[in-house]
Amino acid sequence: MAISTHYPVMVIGGAEDKVNGSSILTAFFQSAGGSLASIGIIPCASQEPSVVGDRYYQIFTKMGAREVQILDIRQPKECDEENWLNVLSGCTGIFMTGGDQLRLCDLMGGSEFIESVKTRVRLGNLVLAGTSAGAAIVGEKMIAGGSSGESPNQLLVDLTEGLGIFPELLVDQHFHNRNRMARLMSAIAAHPDKLGIGIDEDTCAAFDGDGTFEVLGKGTITIIDPGGLTHTNYPIVKELSPLSLHNLTVHVLSQGDRYNYQRRIVLVS
C-alpha cells in the first residue's frame, strides 16, 4: 500500500502486521518523517517492556529511521525528569505499545511528559501512534477491562480516566476479534456524551488532524454514535440487568473509509 498522507495520530486496534508489509507501521514511520524520523518507543504498558520495546526498535530501525530510542520509563516520577523530556523534544514520532492500559495511564497520567506530547501533537510537530493499550488511553474516559459474550450491562465494562488526547472518543480495541460490541455499548450507556469507536486487530484509525480519520488495515472500525439516543435504562437498572439503548447509530467502516468524528458523519468519496 502506498502511503502519501501524513497522519498526526494513529490509533491501532492491536496485533498489527509486523512482517508482511507492515502497512500500518509503515504509515506511522512515513508520517513521522521517514528516513528523517526520530522515533521514541514507549513500552511501559507491557509486562516485558524491554522485549516489546526491542521488537519495535528493530522494526523502525530496519525501515530506515534516522534515530530510534526506547523510552524505558518505569516510575511515574520519571515522566517529569528532564532527561526524558529532552529525549521527547527530539522525537518526531512517539509509539505506545500494547500491554495494560491501566499501567500506562498510572505512569503517564497528569505528567509533564504526556502534556508535552499532547501539546506537540496539537501543534503538528509530533506524530503519535498507540496500539492495543496504547489505543485505549486516547479518550477522556477509558475502558480498563471487562468481559465479552453477554448482553450489554453495567458490570460488563470497567471504566476509568484516560489520557484525553481525543476527549470526545471512547475507544475499544481487539474489537470483533474478542467480541467486544456489548462491552463498548455498555461503556457508551455509561457515557452517552462520548462517541464509541471499536477497532479490530491489524486495523487503524488514522487521524488527519481536521476532525476526520481514515481506516487503514485488514479489519473494520465500528462506530457507536449515541447522538440520537432517545432512551436508556442505565441509571435505574441493577448492575447485572440487561441495558436498553434506543436509537443508537452504528457504522461499520473498512479500509479507505473516512469518518468525521466531530460532525459524526461518514464521508463519501
Protein backbone atom coordinates (compact mmCIF):
# COMPACT_ATOMS: atom_id res chain seq x y z
CA MET A 1 0.00 0.00 0.00
CA ALA A 2 1.44 3.36 -0.98
CA ILE A 3 1.29 5.90 1.82
CA SER A 4 1.09 9.52 0.74
CA THR A 5 -0.80 11.11 3.63
CA HIS A 6 0.60 12.48 6.87
CA TYR A 7 -1.33 11.16 9.89
CA PRO A 8 -0.77 13.15 13.11
CA VAL A 9 -2.35 10.44 15.31
CA MET A 10 -2.76 6.72 14.62
CA VAL A 11 -4.92 4.58 16.90
CA ILE A 12 -4.35 0.88 16.25
CA GLY A 13 -6.56 -1.99 17.41
CA GLY A 14 -3.64 -4.27 18.30
CA ALA A 15 -1.87 -7.22 16.65
CA GLU A 16 -0.84 -5.06 13.69
CA ASP A 17 1.12 -6.80 10.96
CA LYS A 18 4.84 -6.61 11.69
CA VAL A 19 6.26 -8.89 8.98
CA ASN A 20 4.12 -9.00 5.81
CA GLY A 21 4.36 -5.46 4.53
CA SER A 22 3.66 -3.82 7.90
CA SER A 23 1.40 -1.29 6.19
CA ILE A 24 0.15 0.41 9.37
CA LEU A 25 3.60 0.66 10.95
CA THR A 26 4.95 1.92 7.62
CA ALA A 27 2.29 4.63 7.59
CA PHE A 28 3.42 5.72 11.06
CA PHE A 29 7.08 5.63 10.05
CA GLN A 30 6.42 7.79 6.99
CA SER A 31 4.16 10.18 8.89
CA ALA A 32 6.94 10.67 11.47
CA GLY A 33 9.39 11.69 8.74
CA GLY A 34 10.55 8.51 7.03
CA SER A 35 14.33 8.39 6.77
CA LEU A 36 14.48 11.62 8.78
CA ALA A 37 12.28 10.26 11.58
CA SER A 38 13.39 10.22 15.19
CA ILE A 39 11.08 7.69 16.84
CA GLY A 40 10.58 7.17 20.55
CA ILE A 41 9.05 3.87 21.67
CA ILE A 42 7.13 3.79 24.96
CA PRO A 43 6.76 0.13 26.05
CA CYS A 44 5.76 0.73 29.68
CA ALA A 45 2.25 -0.76 29.26
CA SER A 46 3.88 -4.16 28.75
CA GLN A 47 4.97 -6.57 31.47
CA GLU A 48 8.07 -7.15 29.34
CA PRO A 49 8.94 -3.61 28.24
CA SER A 50 12.50 -4.48 27.20
CA VAL A 51 11.35 -7.31 24.93
CA VAL A 52 8.45 -5.38 23.40
CA GLY A 53 10.46 -2.20 23.05
CA ASP A 54 13.27 -4.01 21.27
CA ARG A 55 10.86 -5.59 18.79
CA TYR A 56 9.61 -2.19 17.63
CA TYR A 57 13.16 -0.83 17.79
CA GLN A 58 14.21 -3.45 15.27
CA ILE A 59 11.19 -2.77 13.02
CA PHE A 60 11.66 1.00 12.78
CA THR A 61 15.44 0.72 12.50
CA LYS A 62 15.08 -1.66 9.55
CA MET A 63 12.62 0.73 7.93
CA GLY A 64 15.40 3.30 7.93
CA ALA A 65 14.51 5.80 10.67
CA ARG A 66 17.32 8.25 11.40
CA GLU A 67 17.08 7.51 15.12
CA VAL A 68 15.06 5.08 17.25
CA GLN A 69 15.06 5.18 21.05
CA ILE A 70 13.28 3.14 23.71
CA LEU A 71 11.89 5.37 26.44
CA ASP A 72 12.02 2.75 29.20
CA ILE A 73 10.04 4.69 31.79
CA ARG A 74 9.24 2.55 34.85
CA GLN A 75 8.03 5.03 37.52
CA PRO A 76 5.56 7.97 37.34
CA LYS A 77 8.17 10.40 38.70
CA GLU A 78 10.37 9.69 35.69
CA CYS A 79 7.81 11.35 33.41
CA ASP A 80 8.74 14.71 34.89
CA GLU A 81 12.50 14.16 34.71
CA GLU A 82 14.47 16.41 32.40
CA ASN A 83 16.29 13.59 30.61
CA TRP A 84 13.08 12.00 29.28
CA LEU A 85 11.59 15.38 28.42
CA ASN A 86 14.76 16.16 26.46
CA VAL A 87 14.51 12.87 24.59
CA LEU A 88 10.87 13.63 23.79
CA SER A 89 11.76 17.09 22.49
CA GLY A 90 13.96 15.48 19.83
CA CYS A 91 11.36 12.97 18.65
CA THR A 92 9.25 13.37 15.53
CA GLY A 93 7.17 10.30 16.39
CA ILE A 94 6.08 8.52 19.58
CA PHE A 95 4.84 4.92 19.52
CA MET A 96 2.99 3.49 22.55
CA THR A 97 2.95 -0.31 22.63
CA GLY A 98 0.34 -2.73 23.90
CA GLY A 99 0.03 -4.21 27.37
CA ASP A 100 -2.05 -2.93 30.28
CA GLN A 101 -3.69 0.45 29.70
CA LEU A 102 -4.06 0.99 33.45
CA ARG A 103 -0.31 0.68 33.87
CA LEU A 104 0.24 3.13 31.03
CA CYS A 105 -2.17 5.69 32.47
CA ASP A 106 -0.81 5.29 36.00
CA LEU A 107 2.67 6.10 34.70
CA MET A 108 1.80 8.89 32.28
CA GLY A 109 -1.38 10.49 33.58
CA GLY A 110 -1.03 14.14 34.62
CA SER A 111 2.69 14.22 33.86
CA GLU A 112 4.73 16.89 32.10
CA PHE A 113 5.64 14.22 29.57
CA ILE A 114 2.11 13.45 28.39
CA GLU A 115 1.13 17.13 28.44
CA SER A 116 4.10 17.86 26.20
CA VAL A 117 3.05 15.02 23.88
CA LYS A 118 -0.49 16.42 23.60
CA THR A 119 0.76 19.97 23.03
CA ARG A 120 3.18 18.92 20.29
CA VAL A 121 0.57 16.75 18.57
CA ARG A 122 -1.82 19.70 18.62
CA LEU A 123 0.88 21.98 17.16
CA GLY A 124 1.60 19.45 14.43
CA ASN A 125 5.27 18.73 15.19
CA LEU A 126 4.88 15.26 16.72
CA VAL A 127 3.16 12.15 15.36
CA LEU A 128 1.61 9.84 17.97
CA ALA A 129 0.65 6.21 17.49
CA GLY A 130 -0.66 3.69 20.00
CA THR A 131 -1.59 0.04 19.62
CA SER A 132 -3.91 -2.02 21.85
CA ALA A 133 -3.37 -0.50 25.32
CA GLY A 134 -1.77 2.46 23.55
CA ALA A 135 -5.07 2.93 21.70
CA ALA A 136 -7.37 2.51 24.71
CA ILE A 137 -5.86 5.51 26.50
CA VAL A 138 -6.67 8.19 23.90
CA GLY A 139 -10.10 9.15 25.26
CA GLU A 140 -11.00 11.19 28.31
CA LYS A 141 -12.80 8.05 29.53
CA MET A 142 -11.09 4.70 29.12
CA ILE A 143 -12.13 1.06 29.05
CA ALA A 144 -9.80 -0.54 31.59
CA GLY A 145 -11.18 -4.06 31.23
CA GLY A 146 -14.34 -6.12 31.25
CA SER A 147 -15.97 -9.17 29.72
CA SER A 148 -17.50 -10.26 26.43
CA GLY A 149 -20.17 -12.60 25.15
CA GLU A 150 -23.03 -11.20 27.24
CA SER A 151 -25.82 -8.70 26.69
CA PRO A 152 -24.85 -5.11 27.50
CA ASN A 153 -24.93 -4.49 31.25
CA GLN A 154 -23.25 -2.20 33.76
CA LEU A 155 -20.79 -4.84 35.04
CA LEU A 156 -19.63 -5.82 31.56
CA VAL A 157 -17.11 -2.99 31.42
CA ASP A 158 -14.64 -1.35 33.79
CA LEU A 159 -14.24 2.37 33.13
CA THR A 160 -11.70 4.88 34.34
CA GLU A 161 -9.91 8.05 33.24
CA GLY A 162 -7.85 8.03 30.03
CA LEU A 163 -5.18 10.46 28.86
CA GLY A 164 -7.61 12.70 26.95
CA ILE A 165 -5.87 13.02 23.60
CA PHE A 166 -9.34 12.87 21.98
CA PRO A 167 -11.67 13.70 24.89
CA GLU A 168 -14.85 13.05 22.89
CA LEU A 169 -13.94 9.45 21.98
CA LEU A 170 -14.26 6.19 23.89
CA VAL A 171 -12.09 3.54 22.26
CA ASP A 172 -12.08 -0.26 22.47
CA GLN A 173 -9.53 -2.47 20.70
CA HIS A 174 -9.16 -6.11 19.51
CA PHE A 175 -12.82 -5.37 18.83
CA HIS A 176 -14.58 -8.03 16.75
CA ASN A 177 -11.68 -10.40 17.37
CA ARG A 178 -12.68 -10.56 21.05
CA ASN A 179 -16.44 -10.00 20.68
CA ARG A 180 -16.47 -6.59 22.39
CA MET A 181 -19.55 -4.98 20.84
CA ALA A 182 -21.65 -5.36 24.00
CA ARG A 183 -18.75 -4.06 26.09
CA LEU A 184 -18.48 -0.87 24.06
CA MET A 185 -22.26 -0.42 24.10
CA SER A 186 -22.19 -0.75 27.90
CA ALA A 187 -19.47 1.90 28.08
CA ILE A 188 -21.46 4.27 25.87
CA ALA A 189 -24.55 3.74 28.02
CA ALA A 190 -22.48 4.99 30.97
CA HIS A 191 -21.11 7.96 28.97
CA PRO A 192 -23.62 8.85 26.23
CA ASP A 193 -21.80 12.12 25.55
CA LYS A 194 -18.91 10.13 24.04
CA LEU A 195 -18.53 8.54 20.61
CA GLY A 196 -17.73 4.83 20.73
CA ILE A 197 -15.03 3.52 18.42
CA GLY A 198 -14.24 -0.21 18.28
CA ILE A 199 -11.08 -1.04 16.32
CA ASP A 200 -10.29 -4.54 15.07
CA GLU A 201 -6.84 -6.10 15.11
CA ASP A 202 -4.42 -5.06 12.33
CA THR A 203 -6.67 -2.03 11.78
CA CYS A 204 -6.03 1.64 12.44
CA ALA A 205 -7.97 4.87 12.79
CA ALA A 206 -5.52 7.25 11.10
CA PHE A 207 -6.46 10.78 12.13
CA ASP A 208 -5.85 13.60 9.67
CA GLY A 209 -5.86 16.49 12.12
CA ASP A 210 -9.00 18.05 10.64
CA GLY A 211 -11.65 16.21 12.66
CA THR A 212 -11.60 13.13 10.45
CA PHE A 213 -9.91 9.74 10.34
CA GLU A 214 -9.28 7.16 7.64
CA VAL A 215 -9.45 3.39 8.13
CA LEU A 216 -6.22 1.53 7.41
CA GLY A 217 -5.66 -2.21 7.64
CA LYS A 218 -7.40 -5.53 7.23
CA GLY A 219 -10.33 -5.30 9.66
CA THR A 220 -13.11 -2.86 10.46
CA ILE A 221 -13.81 0.06 12.74
CA THR A 222 -17.23 0.12 14.37
CA ILE A 223 -18.74 3.49 15.30
CA ILE A 224 -21.37 3.61 18.05
CA ASP A 225 -22.95 7.06 18.00
CA PRO A 226 -25.42 7.81 20.82
CA GLY A 227 -26.16 11.30 19.50
CA GLY A 228 -29.76 10.32 18.71
CA LEU A 229 -30.25 8.21 21.84
CA THR A 230 -33.84 8.55 23.00
CA HIS A 231 -33.84 6.18 25.97
CA THR A 232 -31.58 4.10 28.18
CA ASN A 233 -32.41 2.34 31.42
CA TYR A 234 -28.78 2.60 32.57
CA PRO A 235 -29.47 4.94 35.55
CA ILE A 236 -32.22 2.80 37.06
CA VAL A 237 -31.46 -0.90 36.49
CA LYS A 238 -29.44 -3.27 38.64
CA GLU A 239 -25.81 -3.81 37.67
CA LEU A 240 -26.36 -7.22 36.05
CA SER A 241 -29.64 -6.34 34.34
CA PRO A 242 -29.62 -6.03 30.53
CA LEU A 243 -29.41 -2.49 29.22
CA SER A 244 -31.82 -0.77 26.87
CA LEU A 245 -30.36 1.66 24.34
CA HIS A 246 -32.82 3.12 21.82
CA ASN A 247 -31.85 4.76 18.53
CA LEU A 248 -28.11 4.24 18.54
CA THR A 249 -26.44 4.88 15.20
CA VAL A 250 -23.91 2.21 14.19
CA HIS A 251 -21.44 2.37 11.30
CA VAL A 252 -19.01 -0.34 10.22
CA LEU A 253 -16.06 1.08 8.27
CA SER A 254 -13.31 -0.71 6.36
CA GLN A 255 -10.06 0.09 4.53
CA GLY A 256 -10.19 3.52 2.87
CA ASP A 257 -13.44 4.65 4.52
CA ARG A 258 -13.36 8.06 6.17
CA TYR A 259 -15.33 9.42 9.11
CA ASN A 260 -15.71 12.90 10.62
CA TYR A 261 -15.85 12.28 14.37
CA GLN A 262 -16.59 15.93 15.16
CA ARG A 263 -19.63 16.12 12.86
CA ARG A 264 -20.36 12.41 13.32
CA ILE A 265 -20.83 11.63 9.65
CA VAL A 266 -19.37 9.13 7.20
CA LEU A 267 -17.55 10.89 4.38
CA VAL A 268 -18.42 9.68 0.90
CA SER A 269 -15.57 9.88 -1.60
